[in-house]
């Protein structure tokens, strides 16, 4: 859940959730909803991540939680469909970095190499 990950990261950084939200001029009233499983907007997550000096990936499962809540918007804005969300959410934590590296490699593969592999 988003809140648990946010709290863990704040603890690691020596701060509190409330202090971070106040510093970013975000409502502290949302924490109750987050504790219950709600997810903030992606814009808010990006602001929080930037402030804490972490990636939104560090809020493990936040994209999946967001998809469950705002699926159509996520699909239309980011192109993540339900199958991708399911695949990503099933990757064990200890294998996530390996999978990210694998996907990054394929994102930057030259087109001519890809054409040879397809043919």
Protein backbone atom coordinates (compact mmCIF):
# COMPACT_ATOMS: atom_id res chain seq x y z
CA UNK A 1 0.00 0.00 0.00
CA UNK A 2 1.09 3.53 -0.73
CA UNK A 3 0.91 4.84 2.84
CA UNK A 4 3.05 2.07 4.32
CA UNK A 5 5.73 2.65 1.69
CA UNK A 6 5.61 6.42 2.19
CA UNK A 7 5.95 6.00 5.95
CA UNK A 8 8.88 3.59 5.53
CA UNK A 9 10.69 5.99 3.18
CA UNK A 10 10.03 8.94 5.51
CA UNK A 11 11.42 6.93 8.45
CA UNK A 12 14.53 6.08 6.40
CA UNK A 13 14.98 9.78 5.56
CA UNK A 14 14.47 10.88 9.17
CA UNK A 15 11.24 12.75 8.57
CA UNK A 16 7.50 12.22 8.90
CA UNK A 17 4.66 11.96 6.42
CA UNK A 18 3.07 15.09 7.87
CA UNK A 19 6.30 17.10 7.58
CA UNK A 20 6.71 16.09 3.93
CA UNK A 21 3.11 16.97 3.05
CA UNK A 22 3.35 20.34 4.80
CA UNK A 23 6.63 21.14 3.02
CA UNK A 24 4.94 20.43 -0.32
CA UNK A 25 1.73 22.31 0.58
CA UNK A 26 -0.25 19.09 0.19
CA UNK A 27 -3.24 18.29 2.38
CA UNK A 28 -2.42 16.30 5.49
CA UNK A 29 -6.07 15.27 5.68
CA UNK A 30 -5.56 12.67 2.97
CA UNK A 31 -3.42 10.40 5.12
CA UNK A 32 -6.47 8.72 6.62
CA UNK A 33 -7.68 7.75 3.15
CA UNK A 34 -4.20 6.53 2.21
CA UNK A 35 -4.04 4.37 5.36
CA UNK A 36 -7.34 2.83 4.23
CA UNK A 37 -5.87 1.97 0.82
CA UNK A 38 -6.63 5.03 -1.30
CA UNK A 39 -3.92 6.33 -3.63
CA UNK A 40 -3.06 9.99 -4.26
CA UNK A 41 -2.83 11.44 -7.75
CA UNK A 42 0.27 10.60 -9.75
CA UNK A 43 1.20 14.28 -9.64
CA UNK A 44 1.22 14.16 -5.83
CA UNK A 45 3.26 10.94 -5.83
CA UNK A 46 5.78 12.51 -8.22
CA UNK A 47 6.10 15.61 -5.99
CA UNK A 48 6.56 13.48 -2.88
CA UNK A 49 9.13 11.24 -4.59
CA UNK A 50 11.10 14.24 -5.86
CA UNK A 51 11.07 15.89 -2.43
CA UNK A 52 12.32 12.70 -0.78
CA UNK A 53 14.88 12.08 -3.50
CA UNK A 54 13.46 8.72 -4.52
CA UNK A 55 11.79 7.25 -7.58
CA UNK A 56 8.07 6.56 -7.72
CA UNK A 57 9.23 2.95 -8.14
CA UNK A 58 10.25 3.12 -4.49
CA UNK A 59 6.58 3.36 -3.63
CA UNK A 60 6.23 -0.30 -4.60
CA UNK A 61 2.84 -1.15 -6.07
CA UNK A 62 1.74 2.49 -6.31
CA UNK A 63 1.24 2.16 -10.07
CA UNK A 64 -0.79 -1.01 -9.59
CA UNK A 65 -2.88 0.58 -6.82
CA UNK A 66 -3.40 3.62 -9.02
CA UNK A 67 -4.43 1.41 -11.93
CA UNK A 68 -7.04 -0.34 -9.80
CA UNK A 69 -8.47 3.04 -8.81
CA UNK A 70 -8.00 5.01 -12.04
CA UNK A 71 -7.52 2.26 -14.66
CA UNK A 72 -8.85 3.96 -17.77
CA UNK A 73 -6.96 7.19 -17.11
CA UNK A 74 -3.71 5.31 -16.48
CA UNK A 75 -4.19 3.27 -19.62
CA UNK A 76 -4.91 6.31 -21.78
CA UNK A 77 -2.13 8.48 -20.33
CA UNK A 78 0.63 5.92 -19.81
CA UNK A 79 -0.41 3.04 -22.06
CA UNK A 80 -0.40 0.50 -19.23
CA UNK A 81 -3.08 -2.12 -19.72
CA UNK A 82 -4.52 -4.58 -17.23
CA UNK A 83 -2.28 -7.44 -18.38
CA UNK A 84 0.89 -5.34 -17.86
CA UNK A 85 -0.35 -4.25 -14.45
CA UNK A 86 -0.92 -7.89 -13.49
CA UNK A 87 2.50 -8.96 -14.72
CA UNK A 88 4.26 -6.13 -12.92
CA UNK A 89 2.41 -6.72 -9.67
CA UNK A 90 3.36 -10.41 -9.65
CA UNK A 91 7.13 -9.84 -9.89
CA UNK A 92 8.75 -10.74 -6.55
CA UNK A 93 10.46 -7.77 -4.90
CA UNK A 94 13.86 -9.45 -5.02
CA UNK A 95 13.59 -9.84 -8.83
CA UNK A 96 12.25 -6.37 -9.67
CA UNK A 97 15.64 -4.73 -10.32
CA UNK A 98 16.61 -7.55 -12.68
CA UNK A 99 13.33 -7.12 -14.56
CA UNK A 100 13.73 -3.34 -14.73
CA UNK A 101 17.25 -3.72 -16.15
CA UNK A 102 15.97 -6.21 -18.72
CA UNK A 103 13.20 -3.87 -19.83
CA UNK A 104 15.52 -0.85 -19.93
CA UNK A 105 17.85 -2.79 -22.23
CA UNK A 106 15.00 -3.49 -24.62
CA UNK A 107 13.75 0.10 -24.49
CA UNK A 108 17.07 1.35 -25.82
CA UNK A 109 17.74 -1.41 -28.38
CA UNK A 110 18.51 -0.01 -31.85
CA UNK A 111 15.64 -0.37 -34.31
CA UNK A 112 17.82 -2.07 -36.92
CA UNK A 113 18.73 -4.77 -34.38
CA UNK A 114 15.08 -5.31 -33.58
CA UNK A 115 14.24 -5.64 -37.28
CA UNK A 116 16.90 -8.35 -37.73
CA UNK A 117 15.57 -10.27 -34.74
CA UNK A 118 11.99 -10.13 -36.02
CA UNK A 119 12.89 -11.26 -39.53
